[in-house]
């Protein structure tokens, strides 16, 4: 309860724009079917990761920091396992990835560009396009990123908040297209927050049926959102989605049971205006 109260205070601070963050290093990335290039160094503070995709499959670019002694190849192998369609494999891989790296989020994009602002400290990180995990040259597509000291203050305003909890998402019924949204992982494992357009008339029961594999896909487009965040990590998402009805979901599985987190309530319907 005390931690959730602290979370509520932090969310209120983000929505009122009161915290001061170091001036970000900005990364503007364009992803193609062959991957992406990126600078090797930026300043610490609030890293703004702006991504657009020229790949028809889209891009899911995130920032990770390997734990001491973990080889990049080991992390890549475990990540591939974590994204398996087999629940037991995905559960084991997800646990291994949790031990391998801290996940700071980033952005998933399809036809619409998006940006995520992430608070970071100096150190060595990697930029990963999670959609490349099945590529034979996956490791060589991962880009190292060194974050150095940052000093200039910057205040950030968010107009809404999405919070992932152990019981699902806390989210507003509507979001404003192009307005920044504070996304926080307040659950006990890594997770993500994806917005996908849905067919008219879709209800929560339709989302449940899809994730239980007893119903058709309710989605009409690719996801836009925040890629995996470790517990108590956050990002501010900005993207100009077309107005309409969207599903807010995660594709991540419960690391204790192997079932989709969406079947435990990690799904919602959100209108973008």
Protein backbone atom coordinates (compact mmCIF):
# COMPACT_ATOMS: atom_id res chain seq x y z
CA UNK A 1 0.00 0.00 0.00
CA UNK A 2 2.82 2.41 0.88
CA UNK A 3 4.51 1.74 -2.47
CA UNK A 4 1.26 2.36 -4.37
CA UNK A 5 0.81 5.64 -2.48
CA UNK A 6 4.32 6.64 -3.49
CA UNK A 7 3.41 5.70 -7.06
CA UNK A 8 0.30 7.89 -6.97
CA UNK A 9 2.38 10.84 -5.74
CA UNK A 10 4.96 10.26 -8.51
CA UNK A 11 2.24 10.06 -11.17
CA UNK A 12 0.68 13.30 -9.91
CA UNK A 13 4.09 14.98 -10.12
CA UNK A 14 4.53 13.85 -13.74
CA UNK A 15 1.09 15.08 -14.73
CA UNK A 16 1.69 18.50 -13.19
CA UNK A 17 5.17 18.78 -14.67
CA UNK A 18 6.92 19.35 -11.35
CA UNK A 19 9.97 17.04 -11.61
CA UNK A 20 13.14 18.40 -13.19
CA UNK A 21 15.09 16.00 -15.39
CA UNK A 22 18.45 16.43 -17.07
CA UNK A 23 18.38 17.68 -20.65
CA UNK A 24 18.16 14.56 -22.78
CA UNK A 25 20.36 13.09 -25.35
CA UNK A 26 18.01 12.69 -28.30
CA UNK A 27 18.02 9.65 -30.57
CA UNK A 28 16.13 9.86 -33.87
CA UNK A 29 16.02 6.37 -35.35
CA UNK A 30 14.67 5.17 -38.68
CA UNK A 31 14.25 1.39 -38.82
CA UNK A 32 14.43 -0.47 -42.14
CA UNK A 33 14.16 -4.21 -42.89
CA UNK A 34 17.98 -4.30 -42.57
CA UNK A 35 17.92 -2.76 -39.06
CA UNK A 36 18.93 0.71 -37.88
CA UNK A 37 21.97 2.83 -37.12
CA UNK A 38 22.36 4.95 -33.98
CA UNK A 39 24.92 7.22 -32.31
CA UNK A 40 27.18 5.41 -29.85
CA UNK A 41 27.01 8.10 -27.12
CA UNK A 42 24.42 10.44 -25.58
CA UNK A 43 24.13 12.44 -22.35
CA UNK A 44 22.36 11.16 -19.26
CA UNK A 45 19.09 12.54 -17.93
CA UNK A 46 15.91 11.98 -19.90
CA UNK A 47 16.72 10.12 -23.09
CA UNK A 48 14.23 10.87 -25.87
CA UNK A 49 14.02 7.88 -28.19
CA UNK A 50 12.12 8.83 -31.35
CA UNK A 51 11.44 6.00 -33.80
CA UNK A 52 9.87 5.72 -37.24
CA UNK A 53 9.71 2.53 -39.29
CA UNK A 54 10.25 1.92 -42.99
CA UNK A 55 9.87 -1.79 -42.31
CA UNK A 56 6.35 -3.07 -43.15
CA UNK A 57 6.60 -5.26 -40.03
CA UNK A 58 7.15 -2.20 -37.82
CA UNK A 59 9.78 -1.80 -35.11
CA UNK A 60 9.93 -2.39 -31.33
CA UNK A 61 13.06 -0.54 -30.20
CA UNK A 62 13.96 -0.64 -26.52
CA UNK A 63 16.82 0.28 -24.22
CA UNK A 64 18.37 -2.41 -22.02
CA UNK A 65 21.30 -2.50 -19.62
CA UNK A 66 23.01 -5.86 -19.18
CA UNK A 67 23.81 -6.88 -15.64
CA UNK A 68 27.52 -7.30 -14.73
CA UNK A 69 29.08 -10.36 -16.32
CA UNK A 70 26.22 -11.07 -18.77
CA UNK A 71 27.35 -11.51 -22.39
CA UNK A 72 25.27 -9.94 -25.17
CA UNK A 73 25.00 -13.34 -26.89
CA UNK A 74 23.57 -14.89 -23.70
CA UNK A 75 20.95 -12.16 -23.39
CA UNK A 76 20.02 -12.51 -27.08
CA UNK A 77 19.58 -16.27 -26.72
CA UNK A 78 17.36 -15.88 -23.66
CA UNK A 79 15.34 -13.11 -25.33
CA UNK A 80 14.59 -15.36 -28.28
CA UNK A 81 13.40 -18.03 -25.85
CA UNK A 82 11.26 -15.49 -23.95
CA UNK A 83 9.44 -14.60 -27.18
CA UNK A 84 8.64 -18.23 -27.97
CA UNK A 85 5.05 -19.29 -28.65
CA UNK A 86 5.56 -22.19 -26.25
CA UNK A 87 4.40 -21.11 -22.75
CA UNK A 88 7.03 -23.15 -20.87
CA UNK A 89 9.85 -21.85 -23.08
CA UNK A 90 8.59 -18.28 -22.84
CA UNK A 91 8.34 -18.51 -19.05
CA UNK A 92 11.88 -19.90 -18.67
CA UNK A 93 13.27 -17.39 -21.16
CA UNK A 94 11.48 -14.51 -19.45
CA UNK A 95 12.98 -15.44 -16.09
CA UNK A 96 16.42 -15.64 -17.67
CA UNK A 97 16.00 -12.25 -19.38
CA UNK A 98 14.98 -10.75 -16.03
CA UNK A 99 18.24 -12.01 -14.55
CA UNK A 100 20.25 -10.83 -17.59
CA UNK A 101 19.17 -7.20 -17.96
CA UNK A 102 17.31 -4.14 -16.71
CA UNK A 103 14.69 -3.03 -19.24
CA UNK A 104 14.10 0.73 -19.60
CA UNK A 105 11.35 0.70 -22.23
CA UNK A 106 11.29 2.33 -25.63
CA UNK A 107 8.74 2.44 -28.43
CA UNK A 108 6.85 0.09 -30.70
CA UNK A 109 5.83 1.72 -33.99
CA UNK A 110 4.00 0.70 -37.13
CA UNK A 111 2.75 3.29 -39.61
CA UNK A 112 2.78 6.09 -37.00
CA UNK A 113 6.09 7.37 -35.53
CA UNK A 114 6.39 7.58 -31.76
CA UNK A 115 8.79 8.76 -29.07
CA UNK A 116 9.52 7.64 -25.52
CA UNK A 117 11.28 9.74 -22.92
CA UNK A 118 13.24 7.56 -20.50
CA UNK A 119 15.12 8.60 -17.36
CA UNK A 120 18.63 7.11 -17.51
CA UNK A 121 21.90 7.36 -15.61
CA UNK A 122 25.44 7.18 -17.05
CA UNK A 123 26.59 3.75 -18.16
CA UNK A 124 26.70 1.21 -20.98
CA UNK A 125 23.42 0.17 -22.59
CA UNK A 126 22.11 -1.49 -25.76
CA UNK A 127 19.35 -0.57 -28.21
CA UNK A 128 17.38 -3.63 -29.28
CA UNK A 129 14.67 -4.02 -31.92
CA UNK A 130 12.68 -6.88 -30.35
CA UNK A 131 11.05 -7.65 -33.70
CA UNK A 132 14.47 -8.75 -35.00
CA UNK A 133 14.79 -11.57 -32.48
CA UNK A 134 14.18 -14.28 -35.12
CA UNK A 135 16.74 -12.84 -37.57
CA UNK A 136 19.91 -14.96 -37.98
CA UNK A 137 22.04 -11.82 -37.55
CA UNK A 138 20.07 -10.57 -34.53
CA UNK A 139 23.11 -9.97 -32.29
CA UNK A 140 24.82 -7.84 -34.93
CA UNK A 141 21.67 -5.68 -35.22
CA UNK A 142 21.84 -4.69 -31.53
CA UNK A 143 23.48 -1.28 -31.07
CA UNK A 144 25.70 -0.40 -28.07
CA UNK A 145 24.99 2.96 -26.44
CA UNK A 146 27.16 4.71 -23.86
CA UNK A 147 25.36 7.33 -21.80
CA UNK A 148 27.56 10.03 -20.33
CA UNK A 149 26.93 12.78 -17.74
CA UNK A 150 24.10 15.28 -18.29
CA UNK A 151 23.57 18.53 -16.45
CA UNK A 152 20.84 20.77 -17.94
CA UNK A 153 17.40 20.61 -16.23
CA UNK A 154 14.23 19.91 -18.15
CA UNK A 155 10.63 19.70 -16.95
CA UNK A 156 8.30 17.17 -18.58
CA UNK A 157 4.52 17.39 -18.73
CA UNK A 158 2.24 14.39 -19.19
CA UNK A 159 -1.52 14.66 -19.60
CA UNK A 160 -2.49 11.11 -18.63
CA UNK A 161 -1.06 7.99 -17.00
CA UNK A 162 -1.13 4.26 -17.73
CA UNK A 163 -0.03 2.05 -14.84
CA UNK A 164 0.60 -1.68 -15.19
CA UNK A 165 -0.16 -3.53 -11.94
CA UNK A 166 -0.25 -7.20 -10.96
CA UNK A 167 -4.00 -7.13 -11.59
CA UNK A 168 -3.97 -5.36 -14.96
CA UNK A 169 -3.84 -1.82 -16.32
CA UNK A 170 -5.01 1.34 -14.61
CA UNK A 171 -5.78 3.58 -17.56
CA UNK A 172 -8.11 6.43 -18.54
CA UNK A 173 -11.03 5.67 -20.83
CA UNK A 174 -9.75 8.24 -23.34
CA UNK A 175 -6.42 9.65 -24.48
CA UNK A 176 -5.61 12.70 -26.58
CA UNK A 177 -3.71 11.98 -29.79
CA UNK A 178 -0.24 13.57 -29.71
CA UNK A 179 -0.33 14.30 -25.96
CA UNK A 180 2.36 12.73 -23.74
CA UNK A 181 1.31 9.77 -21.58
CA UNK A 182 3.21 8.63 -18.48
CA UNK A 183 3.58 4.81 -18.51
CA UNK A 184 4.70 3.05 -15.32
CA UNK A 185 5.30 -0.62 -14.59
CA UNK A 186 4.11 -1.07 -11.00
CA UNK A 187 3.85 -4.86 -11.33
CA UNK A 188 6.20 -7.56 -10.11
CA UNK A 189 7.69 -8.48 -13.49
CA UNK A 190 8.62 -6.86 -16.79
CA UNK A 191 5.75 -5.90 -19.04
CA UNK A 192 4.75 -3.52 -21.85
CA UNK A 193 1.85 -1.26 -22.86
CA UNK A 194 0.69 -1.55 -26.48
CA UNK A 195 -2.17 0.29 -28.22
CA UNK A 196 -3.76 -1.46 -31.21
CA UNK A 197 -6.76 -0.24 -33.25
CA UNK A 198 -9.78 -2.55 -33.00
CA UNK A 199 -12.92 -3.19 -35.02
CA UNK A 200 -16.07 -1.21 -34.11
CA UNK A 201 -18.09 -2.76 -31.31
CA UNK A 202 -15.22 -4.77 -29.79
CA UNK A 203 -15.71 -5.52 -26.06
CA UNK A 204 -13.35 -6.76 -23.35
CA UNK A 205 -14.83 -10.24 -23.80
CA UNK A 206 -13.56 -10.23 -27.41
CA UNK A 207 -10.04 -9.40 -26.20
CA UNK A 208 -10.25 -12.19 -23.62
CA UNK A 209 -11.39 -14.68 -26.25
CA UNK A 210 -8.51 -13.72 -28.53
CA UNK A 211 -5.86 -14.18 -25.83
CA UNK A 212 -7.48 -17.44 -24.76
CA UNK A 213 -7.28 -18.56 -28.42
CA UNK A 214 -11.03 -19.07 -28.61
CA UNK A 215 -11.86 -16.03 -30.73
CA UNK A 216 -10.63 -14.15 -33.81
CA UNK A 217 -8.25 -11.21 -33.75
CA UNK A 218 -10.04 -7.97 -32.87
CA UNK A 219 -7.17 -5.83 -34.17
CA UNK A 220 -7.10 -3.84 -37.39
CA UNK A 221 -3.52 -2.52 -37.27
CA UNK A 222 -0.08 -2.85 -35.74
CA UNK A 223 0.84 -1.89 -32.17
CA UNK A 224 2.14 1.47 -31.01
CA UNK A 225 3.31 1.78 -27.44
CA UNK A 226 5.99 1.19 -24.83
CA UNK A 227 8.16 -1.93 -25.11
CA UNK A 228 9.16 -3.93 -22.00
CA UNK A 229 9.87 -2.08 -18.76
CA UNK A 230 11.37 -3.71 -15.68
CA UNK A 231 9.38 -3.28 -12.46
CA UNK A 232 9.15 0.37 -11.32
CA UNK A 233 10.61 1.70 -14.56
CA UNK A 234 8.65 4.29 -16.52
CA UNK A 235 8.58 6.11 -19.85
CA UNK A 236 6.62 9.00 -21.35
CA UNK A 237 5.03 8.01 -24.66
CA UNK A 238 4.16 10.59 -27.32
CA UNK A 239 2.51 9.58 -30.60
CA UNK A 240 -0.16 11.07 -32.88
CA UNK A 241 -2.41 8.05 -33.31
CA UNK A 242 -5.47 8.40 -35.57
CA UNK A 243 -8.66 8.92 -33.54
CA UNK A 244 -10.64 5.78 -32.78
CA UNK A 245 -11.05 2.83 -30.44
CA UNK A 246 -7.91 0.99 -29.30
CA UNK A 247 -7.07 -2.02 -27.18
CA UNK A 248 -4.39 -1.48 -24.53
CA UNK A 249 -2.64 -4.83 -24.10
CA UNK A 250 0.61 -6.60 -23.33
CA UNK A 251 1.94 -9.66 -25.16
CA UNK A 252 4.14 -10.64 -22.19
CA UNK A 253 3.41 -13.86 -20.30
CA UNK A 254 3.13 -14.34 -16.56
CA UNK A 255 6.56 -15.61 -15.47
CA UNK A 256 4.98 -17.82 -12.79
CA UNK A 257 2.32 -19.58 -14.85
CA UNK A 258 3.21 -19.03 -18.50
CA UNK A 259 -0.26 -17.70 -19.35
CA UNK A 260 -0.67 -14.31 -21.09
CA UNK A 261 -0.81 -11.40 -18.66
CA UNK A 262 -3.76 -10.17 -20.74
CA UNK A 263 -5.79 -13.07 -19.32
CA UNK A 264 -5.10 -11.73 -15.83
CA UNK A 265 -6.60 -8.36 -16.63
CA UNK A 266 -3.77 -6.68 -18.52
CA UNK A 267 -6.09 -5.39 -21.22
CA UNK A 268 -8.37 -2.39 -21.57
CA UNK A 269 -10.27 -0.43 -24.20
CA UNK A 270 -9.19 3.16 -24.77
CA UNK A 271 -10.60 5.82 -27.07
CA UNK A 272 -8.08 8.12 -28.78
CA UNK A 273 -9.51 11.52 -29.66
